[in-house]
Each structure stands twice: as C-alpha cells, then as structure tokens.
All heavy atoms as atom14 arrays in JSON, in Angstrom:
{
  "sequence": "DSVKGRFTISRDNAKNTVYLQMNSLKPEDTAVYYCAADWGDAGSYYSS",
  "atom14_mask": [
    [1, 1, 1, 1, 1, 1, 1, 1, 0, 0, 0, 0, 0, 0],
    [1, 1, 1, 1, 1, 1, 0, 0, 0, 0, 0, 0, 0, 0],
    [1, 1, 1, 1, 1, 1, 1, 0, 0, 0, 0, 0, 0, 0],
    [1, 1, 1, 1, 1, 1, 1, 1, 1, 0, 0, 0, 0, 0],
    [1, 1, 1, 1, 0, 0, 0, 0, 0, 0, 0, 0, 0, 0],
    [1, 1, 1, 1, 1, 1, 1, 1, 1, 1, 1, 0, 0, 0],
    [1, 1, 1, 1, 1, 1, 1, 1, 1, 1, 1, 0, 0, 0],
    [1, 1, 1, 1, 1, 1, 1, 0, 0, 0, 0, 0, 0, 0],
    [1, 1, 1, 1, 1, 1, 1, 1, 0, 0, 0, 0, 0, 0],
    [1, 1, 1, 1, 1, 1, 0, 0, 0, 0, 0, 0, 0, 0],
    [1, 1, 1, 1, 1, 1, 1, 1, 1, 1, 1, 0, 0, 0],
    [1, 1, 1, 1, 1, 1, 1, 1, 0, 0, 0, 0, 0, 0],
    [1, 1, 1, 1, 1, 1, 1, 1, 0, 0, 0, 0, 0, 0],
    [1, 1, 1, 1, 1, 0, 0, 0, 0, 0, 0, 0, 0, 0],
    [1, 1, 1, 1, 1, 1, 1, 1, 1, 0, 0, 0, 0, 0],
    [1, 1, 1, 1, 1, 1, 1, 1, 0, 0, 0, 0, 0, 0],
    [1, 1, 1, 1, 1, 1, 1, 0, 0, 0, 0, 0, 0, 0],
    [1, 1, 1, 1, 1, 1, 1, 0, 0, 0, 0, 0, 0, 0],
    [1, 1, 1, 1, 1, 1, 1, 1, 1, 1, 1, 1, 0, 0],
    [1, 1, 1, 1, 1, 1, 1, 1, 0, 0, 0, 0, 0, 0],
    [1, 1, 1, 1, 1, 1, 1, 1, 1, 0, 0, 0, 0, 0],
    [1, 1, 1, 1, 1, 1, 1, 1, 0, 0, 0, 0, 0, 0],
    [1, 1, 1, 1, 1, 1, 1, 1, 0, 0, 0, 0, 0, 0],
    [1, 1, 1, 1, 1, 1, 0, 0, 0, 0, 0, 0, 0, 0],
    [1, 1, 1, 1, 1, 1, 1, 1, 0, 0, 0, 0, 0, 0],
    [1, 1, 1, 1, 1, 1, 1, 1, 1, 0, 0, 0, 0, 0],
    [1, 1, 1, 1, 1, 1, 1, 0, 0, 0, 0, 0, 0, 0],
    [1, 1, 1, 1, 1, 1, 1, 1, 1, 0, 0, 0, 0, 0],
    [1, 1, 1, 1, 1, 1, 1, 1, 0, 0, 0, 0, 0, 0],
    [1, 1, 1, 1, 1, 1, 1, 0, 0, 0, 0, 0, 0, 0],
    [1, 1, 1, 1, 1, 0, 0, 0, 0, 0, 0, 0, 0, 0],
    [1, 1, 1, 1, 1, 1, 1, 0, 0, 0, 0, 0, 0, 0],
    [1, 1, 1, 1, 1, 1, 1, 1, 1, 1, 1, 1, 0, 0],
    [1, 1, 1, 1, 1, 1, 1, 1, 1, 1, 1, 1, 0, 0],
    [1, 1, 1, 1, 1, 1, 0, 0, 0, 0, 0, 0, 0, 0],
    [1, 1, 1, 1, 1, 0, 0, 0, 0, 0, 0, 0, 0, 0],
    [1, 1, 1, 1, 1, 0, 0, 0, 0, 0, 0, 0, 0, 0],
    [1, 1, 1, 1, 1, 1, 1, 1, 0, 0, 0, 0, 0, 0],
    [1, 1, 1, 1, 1, 1, 1, 1, 1, 1, 1, 1, 1, 1],
    [1, 1, 1, 1, 0, 0, 0, 0, 0, 0, 0, 0, 0, 0],
    [1, 1, 1, 1, 1, 1, 1, 1, 0, 0, 0, 0, 0, 0],
    [1, 1, 1, 1, 1, 0, 0, 0, 0, 0, 0, 0, 0, 0],
    [1, 1, 1, 1, 0, 0, 0, 0, 0, 0, 0, 0, 0, 0],
    [1, 1, 1, 1, 1, 1, 0, 0, 0, 0, 0, 0, 0, 0],
    [1, 1, 1, 1, 1, 1, 1, 1, 1, 1, 1, 1, 0, 0],
    [1, 1, 1, 1, 1, 1, 1, 1, 1, 1, 1, 1, 0, 0],
    [1, 1, 1, 1, 1, 1, 0, 0, 0, 0, 0, 0, 0, 0],
    [1, 1, 1, 1, 1, 1, 0, 0, 0, 0, 0, 0, 0, 0]
  ],
  "atom14_positions": [
    [[-5.91, -71.63, 0.01], [-6.68, -70.48, -0.47], [-7.86, -70.91, -1.34], [-8.92, -70.26, -1.34], [-5.77, -69.55, -1.27], [-4.81, -68.78, -0.38], [-5.04, -68.72, 0.85], [-3.82, -68.25, -0.92], [0.0, 0.0, 0.0], [0.0, 0.0, 0.0], [0.0, 0.0, 0.0], [0.0, 0.0, 0.0], [0.0, 0.0, 0.0], [0.0, 0.0, 0.0]],
    [[-7.68, -72.0, -2.07], [-8.72, -72.45, -3.01], [-9.99, -72.94, -2.32], [-11.05, -73.02, -2.96], [-8.16, -73.55, -3.9], [-7.72, -74.65, -3.12], [0.0, 0.0, 0.0], [0.0, 0.0, 0.0], [0.0, 0.0, 0.0], [0.0, 0.0, 0.0], [0.0, 0.0, 0.0], [0.0, 0.0, 0.0], [0.0, 0.0, 0.0], [0.0, 0.0, 0.0]],
    [[-9.91, -73.27, -1.02], [-11.08, -73.8, -0.32], [-11.5, -72.91, 0.84], [-12.54, -73.17, 1.47], [-10.83, -75.24, 0.19], [-10.37, -76.13, -0.94], [-9.84, -75.26, 1.34], [0.0, 0.0, 0.0], [0.0, 0.0, 0.0], [0.0, 0.0, 0.0], [0.0, 0.0, 0.0], [0.0, 0.0, 0.0], [0.0, 0.0, 0.0], [0.0, 0.0, 0.0]],
    [[-10.74, -71.89, 1.13], [-11.03, -71.02, 2.27], [-12.42, -70.41, 2.12], [-12.78, -69.91, 1.06], [-9.96, -69.93, 2.36], [-9.82, -69.31, 3.73], [-8.58, -68.39, 3.78], [-7.3, -69.16, 3.63], [-6.1, -68.3, 3.73], [0.0, 0.0, 0.0], [0.0, 0.0, 0.0], [0.0, 0.0, 0.0], [0.0, 0.0, 0.0], [0.0, 0.0, 0.0]],
    [[-13.2, -70.49, 3.2], [-14.55, -69.96, 3.17], [-15.6, -70.95, 2.69], [-16.8, -70.71, 2.86], [0.0, 0.0, 0.0], [0.0, 0.0, 0.0], [0.0, 0.0, 0.0], [0.0, 0.0, 0.0], [0.0, 0.0, 0.0], [0.0, 0.0, 0.0], [0.0, 0.0, 0.0], [0.0, 0.0, 0.0], [0.0, 0.0, 0.0], [0.0, 0.0, 0.0]],
    [[-15.16, -72.06, 2.11], [-16.1, -73.09, 1.64], [-15.97, -74.39, 2.42], [-16.97, -75.09, 2.61], [-15.86, -73.38, 0.15], [-16.04, -72.17, -0.75], [-15.97, -72.59, -2.22], [-14.68, -73.14, -2.6], [-14.51, -74.36, -3.11], [-15.54, -75.17, -3.31], [-13.28, -74.78, -3.43], [0.0, 0.0, 0.0], [0.0, 0.0, 0.0], [0.0, 0.0, 0.0]],
    [[-14.77, -74.73, 2.85], [-14.5, -75.98, 3.55], [-14.22, -75.69, 5.02], [-13.64, -74.65, 5.36], [-13.29, -76.69, 2.96], [-13.49, -77.27, 1.59], [-14.6, -76.97, 0.81], [-12.54, -78.14, 1.06], [-14.76, -77.5, -0.45], [-12.68, -78.69, -0.2], [-13.79, -78.36, -0.96], [0.0, 0.0, 0.0], [0.0, 0.0, 0.0], [0.0, 0.0, 0.0]],
    [[-14.62, -76.63, 5.88], [-14.34, -76.53, 7.31], [-13.83, -77.86, 7.82], [-14.48, -78.9, 7.64], [-15.61, -76.15, 8.09], [-16.12, -74.9, 7.59], [-15.29, -75.98, 9.57], [0.0, 0.0, 0.0], [0.0, 0.0, 0.0], [0.0, 0.0, 0.0], [0.0, 0.0, 0.0], [0.0, 0.0, 0.0], [0.0, 0.0, 0.0], [0.0, 0.0, 0.0]],
    [[-12.66, -77.83, 8.46], [-12.1, -79.02, 9.08], [-12.42, -78.98, 10.57], [-12.4, -77.91, 11.19], [-10.58, -79.12, 8.83], [-10.04, -80.46, 9.33], [-9.84, -77.95, 9.45], [-8.58, -80.72, 8.94], [0.0, 0.0, 0.0], [0.0, 0.0, 0.0], [0.0, 0.0, 0.0], [0.0, 0.0, 0.0], [0.0, 0.0, 0.0], [0.0, 0.0, 0.0]],
    [[-12.74, -80.15, 11.12], [-13.01, -80.26, 12.55], [-12.6, -81.64, 13.03], [-12.33, -82.52, 12.2], [-14.48, -79.99, 12.85], [-15.31, -80.95, 12.21], [0.0, 0.0, 0.0], [0.0, 0.0, 0.0], [0.0, 0.0, 0.0], [0.0, 0.0, 0.0], [0.0, 0.0, 0.0], [0.0, 0.0, 0.0], [0.0, 0.0, 0.0], [0.0, 0.0, 0.0]],
    [[-12.52, -81.81, 14.32], [-12.14, -83.1, 14.86], [-12.91, -83.37, 16.15], [-13.28, -82.44, 16.86], [-10.64, -83.19, 15.1], [-10.11, -82.26, 16.18], [-8.58, -82.27, 16.19], [-8.03, -83.57, 16.57], [-6.79, -83.96, 16.32], [-5.95, -83.14, 15.68], [-6.36, -85.15, 16.71], [0.0, 0.0, 0.0], [0.0, 0.0, 0.0], [0.0, 0.0, 0.0]],
    [[-13.08, -84.65, 16.42], [-13.69, -85.1, 17.67], [-12.71, -86.1, 18.28], [-12.66, -87.26, 17.86], [-15.06, -85.74, 17.4], [-15.79, -86.11, 18.67], [-15.14, -86.3, 19.71], [-17.02, -86.24, 18.62], [0.0, 0.0, 0.0], [0.0, 0.0, 0.0], [0.0, 0.0, 0.0], [0.0, 0.0, 0.0], [0.0, 0.0, 0.0], [0.0, 0.0, 0.0]],
    [[-11.94, -85.64, 19.23], [-10.91, -86.51, 19.82], [-11.52, -87.67, 20.6], [-10.87, -88.7, 20.78], [-9.97, -85.69, 20.7], [-9.0, -84.85, 19.89], [-8.89, -85.01, 18.66], [-8.3, -83.94, 20.54], [0.0, 0.0, 0.0], [0.0, 0.0, 0.0], [0.0, 0.0, 0.0], [0.0, 0.0, 0.0], [0.0, 0.0, 0.0], [0.0, 0.0, 0.0]],
    [[-12.73, -87.53, 21.07], [-13.39, -88.62, 21.78], [-13.78, -89.75, 20.82], [-13.88, -90.91, 21.23], [-14.62, -88.11, 22.5], [0.0, 0.0, 0.0], [0.0, 0.0, 0.0], [0.0, 0.0, 0.0], [0.0, 0.0, 0.0], [0.0, 0.0, 0.0], [0.0, 0.0, 0.0], [0.0, 0.0, 0.0], [0.0, 0.0, 0.0], [0.0, 0.0, 0.0]],
    [[-13.98, -89.4, 19.56], [-14.37, -90.39, 18.56], [-13.23, -90.75, 17.61], [-13.42, -91.51, 16.66], [-15.56, -89.87, 17.74], [-16.83, -89.7, 18.55], [-17.98, -89.26, 17.66], [-19.27, -89.14, 18.46], [-20.42, -88.71, 17.61], [0.0, 0.0, 0.0], [0.0, 0.0, 0.0], [0.0, 0.0, 0.0], [0.0, 0.0, 0.0], [0.0, 0.0, 0.0]],
    [[-12.05, -90.17, 17.85], [-10.89, -90.43, 16.98], [-11.22, -90.18, 15.51], [-10.85, -90.96, 14.63], [-10.39, -91.87, 17.16], [-9.67, -92.09, 18.46], [-9.61, -91.2, 19.31], [-9.15, -93.29, 18.67], [0.0, 0.0, 0.0], [0.0, 0.0, 0.0], [0.0, 0.0, 0.0], [0.0, 0.0, 0.0], [0.0, 0.0, 0.0], [0.0, 0.0, 0.0]],
    [[-11.9, -89.09, 15.26], [-12.39, -88.81, 13.92], [-12.12, -87.35, 13.55], [-12.28, -86.45, 14.38], [-13.88, -89.12, 13.81], [-14.1, -90.5, 14.13], [-14.4, -88.87, 12.39], [0.0, 0.0, 0.0], [0.0, 0.0, 0.0], [0.0, 0.0, 0.0], [0.0, 0.0, 0.0], [0.0, 0.0, 0.0], [0.0, 0.0, 0.0], [0.0, 0.0, 0.0]],
    [[-11.74, -87.16, 12.3], [-11.6, -85.82, 11.74], [-12.57, -85.7, 10.57], [-12.84, -86.68, 9.88], [-10.15, -85.53, 11.31], [-9.69, -86.47, 10.21], [-9.98, -84.08, 10.89], [0.0, 0.0, 0.0], [0.0, 0.0, 0.0], [0.0, 0.0, 0.0], [0.0, 0.0, 0.0], [0.0, 0.0, 0.0], [0.0, 0.0, 0.0], [0.0, 0.0, 0.0]],
    [[-13.11, -84.49, 10.4], [-14.13, -84.25, 9.39], [-13.69, -83.14, 8.43], [-12.88, -82.28, 8.77], [-15.44, -83.82, 10.05], [-15.95, -84.77, 11.09], [-15.68, -84.56, 12.45], [-16.7, -85.89, 10.74], [-16.14, -85.44, 13.42], [-17.17, -86.77, 11.71], [-16.88, -86.54, 13.03], [-17.34, -87.41, 13.99], [0.0, 0.0, 0.0], [0.0, 0.0, 0.0]],
    [[-14.26, -83.18, 7.24], [-14.08, -82.08, 6.31], [-15.46, -81.77, 5.71], [-15.98, -82.55, 4.91], [-13.09, -82.42, 5.19], [-12.77, -81.27, 4.24], [-11.99, -80.18, 4.98], [-11.98, -81.76, 3.03], [0.0, 0.0, 0.0], [0.0, 0.0, 0.0], [0.0, 0.0, 0.0], [0.0, 0.0, 0.0], [0.0, 0.0, 0.0], [0.0, 0.0, 0.0]],
    [[-16.04, -80.67, 6.15], [-17.31, -80.2, 5.6], [-17.01, -79.38, 4.36], [-16.28, -78.37, 4.45], [-18.07, -79.37, 6.63], [-19.38, -78.8, 6.12], [-20.42, -79.87, 5.83], [-20.59, -80.8, 6.61], [-21.1, -79.74, 4.7], [0.0, 0.0, 0.0], [0.0, 0.0, 0.0], [0.0, 0.0, 0.0], [0.0, 0.0, 0.0], [0.0, 0.0, 0.0]],
    [[-17.55, -79.78, 3.24], [-17.28, -79.12, 1.97], [-18.59, -78.54, 1.43], [-19.52, -79.29, 1.11], [-16.68, -80.1, 0.97], [-15.44, -80.8, 1.49], [-14.63, -81.84, 0.25], [-15.89, -83.07, -0.02], [0.0, 0.0, 0.0], [0.0, 0.0, 0.0], [0.0, 0.0, 0.0], [0.0, 0.0, 0.0], [0.0, 0.0, 0.0], [0.0, 0.0, 0.0]],
    [[-18.65, -77.23, 1.34], [-19.83, -76.54, 0.83], [-19.5, -75.85, -0.48], [-18.33, -75.63, -0.81], [-20.32, -75.51, 1.85], [-20.74, -76.13, 3.16], [-21.21, -77.28, 3.2], [-20.59, -75.39, 4.24], [0.0, 0.0, 0.0], [0.0, 0.0, 0.0], [0.0, 0.0, 0.0], [0.0, 0.0, 0.0], [0.0, 0.0, 0.0], [0.0, 0.0, 0.0]],
    [[-20.53, -75.49, -1.22], [-20.37, -74.76, -2.49], [-19.33, -75.44, -3.37], [-18.42, -74.79, -3.89], [-19.98, -73.31, -2.21], [-20.94, -72.66, -1.41], [0.0, 0.0, 0.0], [0.0, 0.0, 0.0], [0.0, 0.0, 0.0], [0.0, 0.0, 0.0], [0.0, 0.0, 0.0], [0.0, 0.0, 0.0], [0.0, 0.0, 0.0], [0.0, 0.0, 0.0]],
    [[-19.47, -76.72, -3.54], [-18.48, -77.49, -4.3], [-18.43, -77.05, -5.76], [-19.45, -76.68, -6.35], [-18.78, -78.99, -4.19], [-18.34, -79.61, -2.86], [-19.06, -80.93, -2.62], [-16.84, -79.8, -2.83], [0.0, 0.0, 0.0], [0.0, 0.0, 0.0], [0.0, 0.0, 0.0], [0.0, 0.0, 0.0], [0.0, 0.0, 0.0], [0.0, 0.0, 0.0]],
    [[-17.24, -77.11, -6.3], [-16.97, -76.72, -7.68], [-16.39, -77.91, -8.44], [-15.77, -78.79, -7.83], [-15.97, -75.57, -7.72], [-16.37, -74.35, -6.91], [-15.26, -73.31, -6.92], [-15.63, -72.08, -6.11], [-14.55, -71.06, -6.12], [0.0, 0.0, 0.0], [0.0, 0.0, 0.0], [0.0, 0.0, 0.0], [0.0, 0.0, 0.0], [0.0, 0.0, 0.0]],
    [[-16.53, -77.92, -9.76], [-15.92, -79.03, -10.54], [-14.43, -79.17, -10.27], [-13.91, -80.3, -10.28], [-16.21, -78.62, -11.99], [-17.48, -77.84, -11.9], [-17.37, -77.06, -10.61], [0.0, 0.0, 0.0], [0.0, 0.0, 0.0], [0.0, 0.0, 0.0], [0.0, 0.0, 0.0], [0.0, 0.0, 0.0], [0.0, 0.0, 0.0], [0.0, 0.0, 0.0]],
    [[-13.75, -78.08, -10.02], [-12.3, -78.15, -9.77], [-11.96, -78.76, -8.41], [-10.79, -78.99, -8.11], [-11.65, -76.77, -9.9], [-12.32, -75.67, -9.11], [-13.3, -74.86, -9.95], [-14.07, -75.47, -10.72], [-13.29, -73.62, -9.81], [0.0, 0.0, 0.0], [0.0, 0.0, 0.0], [0.0, 0.0, 0.0], [0.0, 0.0, 0.0], [0.0, 0.0, 0.0]],
    [[-12.98, -79.04, -7.58], [-12.74, -79.76, -6.33], [-12.7, -81.27, -6.55], [-12.4, -82.02, -5.61], [-13.85, -79.45, -5.32], [-13.84, -78.0, -4.87], [-12.75, -77.45, -4.65], [-14.94, -77.42, -4.75], [0.0, 0.0, 0.0], [0.0, 0.0, 0.0], [0.0, 0.0, 0.0], [0.0, 0.0, 0.0], [0.0, 0.0, 0.0], [0.0, 0.0, 0.0]],
    [[-12.99, -81.72, -7.76], [-12.95, -83.14, -8.07], [-11.55, -83.71, -7.84], [-10.57, -83.2, -8.4], [-13.39, -83.39, -9.52], [-14.77, -83.01, -9.66], [-13.23, -84.85, -9.9], [0.0, 0.0, 0.0], [0.0, 0.0, 0.0], [0.0, 0.0, 0.0], [0.0, 0.0, 0.0], [0.0, 0.0, 0.0], [0.0, 0.0, 0.0], [0.0, 0.0, 0.0]],
    [[-11.47, -84.75, -7.02], [-10.18, -85.34, -6.67], [-10.42, -86.52, -5.73], [-11.53, -86.71, -5.22], [-9.28, -84.32, -5.99], [0.0, 0.0, 0.0], [0.0, 0.0, 0.0], [0.0, 0.0, 0.0], [0.0, 0.0, 0.0], [0.0, 0.0, 0.0], [0.0, 0.0, 0.0], [0.0, 0.0, 0.0], [0.0, 0.0, 0.0], [0.0, 0.0, 0.0]],
    [[-9.36, -87.26, -5.5], [-9.35, -88.22, -4.39], [-8.87, -87.46, -3.16], [-7.82, -86.79, -3.2], [-8.44, -89.41, -4.67], [-8.41, -90.35, -3.47], [-8.91, -90.16, -5.92], [0.0, 0.0, 0.0], [0.0, 0.0, 0.0], [0.0, 0.0, 0.0], [0.0, 0.0, 0.0], [0.0, 0.0, 0.0], [0.0, 0.0, 0.0], [0.0, 0.0, 0.0]],
    [[-9.64, -87.56, -2.1], [-9.33, -86.84, -0.85], [-8.74, -87.82, 0.16], [-9.3, -88.9, 0.41], [-10.58, -86.19, -0.29], [-10.95, -84.92, -1.03], [-11.46, -84.98, -2.33], [-10.75, -83.67, -0.46], [-11.78, -83.82, -3.03], [-11.06, -82.51, -1.14], [-11.57, -82.59, -2.43], [-11.87, -81.44, -3.13], [0.0, 0.0, 0.0], [0.0, 0.0, 0.0]],
    [[-7.62, -87.42, 0.75], [-6.9, -88.24, 1.71], [-6.82, -87.53, 3.05], [-6.56, -86.32, 3.09], [-5.48, -88.49, 1.24], [-5.35, -89.21, -0.07], [-5.3, -88.51, -1.27], [-5.25, -90.61, -0.12], [-5.17, -89.17, -2.48], [-5.11, -91.28, -1.32], [-5.08, -90.55, -2.5], [-4.95, -91.21, -3.69], [0.0, 0.0, 0.0], [0.0, 0.0, 0.0]],
    [[-7.02, -88.29, 4.13], [-6.7, -87.72, 5.43], [-5.34, -88.26, 5.85], [-4.88, -89.3, 5.38], [-7.77, -88.02, 6.48], [-7.8, -89.71, 7.1], [0.0, 0.0, 0.0], [0.0, 0.0, 0.0], [0.0, 0.0, 0.0], [0.0, 0.0, 0.0], [0.0, 0.0, 0.0], [0.0, 0.0, 0.0], [0.0, 0.0, 0.0], [0.0, 0.0, 0.0]],
    [[-4.69, -87.51, 6.73], [-3.35, -87.86, 7.16], [-3.13, -87.4, 8.59], [-3.77, -86.45, 9.06], [-2.31, -87.22, 6.23], [0.0, 0.0, 0.0], [0.0, 0.0, 0.0], [0.0, 0.0, 0.0], [0.0, 0.0, 0.0], [0.0, 0.0, 0.0], [0.0, 0.0, 0.0], [0.0, 0.0, 0.0], [0.0, 0.0, 0.0], [0.0, 0.0, 0.0]],
    [[-2.23, -88.1, 9.28], [-1.93, -87.82, 10.68], [-0.46, -87.48, 10.84], [0.41, -88.13, 10.27], [-2.27, -89.03, 11.55], [0.0, 0.0, 0.0], [0.0, 0.0, 0.0], [0.0, 0.0, 0.0], [0.0, 0.0, 0.0], [0.0, 0.0, 0.0], [0.0, 0.0, 0.0], [0.0, 0.0, 0.0], [0.0, 0.0, 0.0], [0.0, 0.0, 0.0]],
    [[-0.2, -86.45, 11.64], [1.16, -85.91, 11.83], [1.38, -85.71, 13.32], [0.76, -84.83, 13.94], [1.27, -84.59, 11.08], [2.58, -83.87, 11.31], [3.55, -84.52, 11.76], [2.62, -82.66, 11.03], [0.0, 0.0, 0.0], [0.0, 0.0, 0.0], [0.0, 0.0, 0.0], [0.0, 0.0, 0.0], [0.0, 0.0, 0.0], [0.0, 0.0, 0.0]],
    [[2.3, -86.51, 13.89], [2.54, -86.4, 15.33], [3.12, -85.05, 15.67], [4.04, -84.55, 14.98], [3.48, -87.51, 15.8], [3.65, -87.49, 17.29], [2.83, -88.07, 18.21], [4.65, -86.79, 18.02], [3.27, -87.8, 19.48], [4.38, -87.02, 19.4], [5.74, -86.01, 17.66], [5.18, -86.49, 20.41], [6.54, -85.47, 18.67], [6.24, -85.72, 20.02]],
    [[2.65, -84.45, 16.75], [3.16, -83.16, 17.19], [3.33, -83.13, 18.68], [2.61, -83.82, 19.4], [0.0, 0.0, 0.0], [0.0, 0.0, 0.0], [0.0, 0.0, 0.0], [0.0, 0.0, 0.0], [0.0, 0.0, 0.0], [0.0, 0.0, 0.0], [0.0, 0.0, 0.0], [0.0, 0.0, 0.0], [0.0, 0.0, 0.0], [0.0, 0.0, 0.0]],
    [[4.3, -82.34, 19.15], [4.59, -82.35, 20.57], [3.91, -81.22, 21.33], [4.2, -81.0, 22.51], [6.11, -82.3, 20.81], [6.74, -81.05, 20.2], [6.0, -80.24, 19.59], [7.96, -80.89, 20.31], [0.0, 0.0, 0.0], [0.0, 0.0, 0.0], [0.0, 0.0, 0.0], [0.0, 0.0, 0.0], [0.0, 0.0, 0.0], [0.0, 0.0, 0.0]],
    [[3.02, -80.51, 20.66], [2.3, -79.44, 21.34], [0.86, -79.42, 20.86], [0.57, -79.76, 19.71], [2.94, -78.08, 21.06], [0.0, 0.0, 0.0], [0.0, 0.0, 0.0], [0.0, 0.0, 0.0], [0.0, 0.0, 0.0], [0.0, 0.0, 0.0], [0.0, 0.0, 0.0], [0.0, 0.0, 0.0], [0.0, 0.0, 0.0], [0.0, 0.0, 0.0]],
    [[-0.03, -79.02, 21.73], [-1.44, -78.97, 21.38], [-1.74, -78.05, 20.22], [-2.7, -78.25, 19.49], [0.0, 0.0, 0.0], [0.0, 0.0, 0.0], [0.0, 0.0, 0.0], [0.0, 0.0, 0.0], [0.0, 0.0, 0.0], [0.0, 0.0, 0.0], [0.0, 0.0, 0.0], [0.0, 0.0, 0.0], [0.0, 0.0, 0.0], [0.0, 0.0, 0.0]],
    [[-0.89, -77.05, 20.04], [-1.1, -76.08, 18.97], [-0.44, -76.49, 17.66], [-0.54, -75.77, 16.67], [-0.55, -74.73, 19.4], [0.83, -74.83, 19.7], [0.0, 0.0, 0.0], [0.0, 0.0, 0.0], [0.0, 0.0, 0.0], [0.0, 0.0, 0.0], [0.0, 0.0, 0.0], [0.0, 0.0, 0.0], [0.0, 0.0, 0.0], [0.0, 0.0, 0.0]],
    [[0.22, -77.64, 17.65], [0.96, -78.05, 16.46], [0.04, -78.4, 15.31], [-0.99, -79.08, 15.49], [1.85, -79.26, 16.78], [2.56, -79.78, 15.55], [3.7, -79.16, 15.08], [2.05, -80.86, 14.84], [4.34, -79.6, 13.94], [2.68, -81.31, 13.7], [3.82, -80.68, 13.25], [4.44, -81.12, 12.11], [0.0, 0.0, 0.0], [0.0, 0.0, 0.0]],
    [[0.44, -77.97, 14.11], [-0.24, -78.38, 12.88], [0.76, -78.2, 11.75], [1.78, -77.54, 11.89], [-1.49, -77.54, 12.61], [-1.19, -76.11, 12.26], [-1.02, -75.7, 10.94], [-1.04, -75.15, 13.26], [-0.71, -74.39, 10.63], [-0.73, -73.84, 12.94], [-0.57, -73.47, 11.63], [-0.26, -72.16, 11.33], [0.0, 0.0, 0.0], [0.0, 0.0, 0.0]],
    [[0.46, -78.75, 10.6], [1.33, -78.61, 9.44], [0.52, -78.67, 8.16], [-0.46, -79.42, 8.07], [2.4, -79.69, 9.43], [3.17, -79.61, 8.23], [0.0, 0.0, 0.0], [0.0, 0.0, 0.0], [0.0, 0.0, 0.0], [0.0, 0.0, 0.0], [0.0, 0.0, 0.0], [0.0, 0.0, 0.0], [0.0, 0.0, 0.0], [0.0, 0.0, 0.0]],
    [[0.95, -77.9, 7.17], [0.36, -77.96, 5.83], [1.29, -78.66, 4.84], [0.98, -78.74, 3.65], [0.03, -76.55, 5.34], [1.2, -75.78, 5.27], [0.0, 0.0, 0.0], [0.0, 0.0, 0.0], [0.0, 0.0, 0.0], [0.0, 0.0, 0.0], [0.0, 0.0, 0.0], [0.0, 0.0, 0.0], [0.0, 0.0, 0.0], [0.0, 0.0, 0.0]]
  ]
}
C-alpha cells in the first residue's frame, strides 16, 4: 500500500531482468532494495 500508484514492477523474460520504476520518491522510501526469485508452477503465480 505504501508504494501503490508510485512504483511499477515489470519484467522482460527475454532479458532475464525485472525492473522497479520508482516515481515520486519520499524520504521514507530510503532503504536497501532487494530483488528475489520464487519458483512457481503456474504462469499466474506470485507471492508477497
């Protein structure tokens, strides 16, 4: 909820890359940002 409407996640499977576009950044967004991979058995699979 804290980033909804400001951040956009996307991926390019051809480039094996995931992106995080961060707009309207706030001081409270200060942090170390980590990406992570989670195996799933369906194309629609995701996890928070």
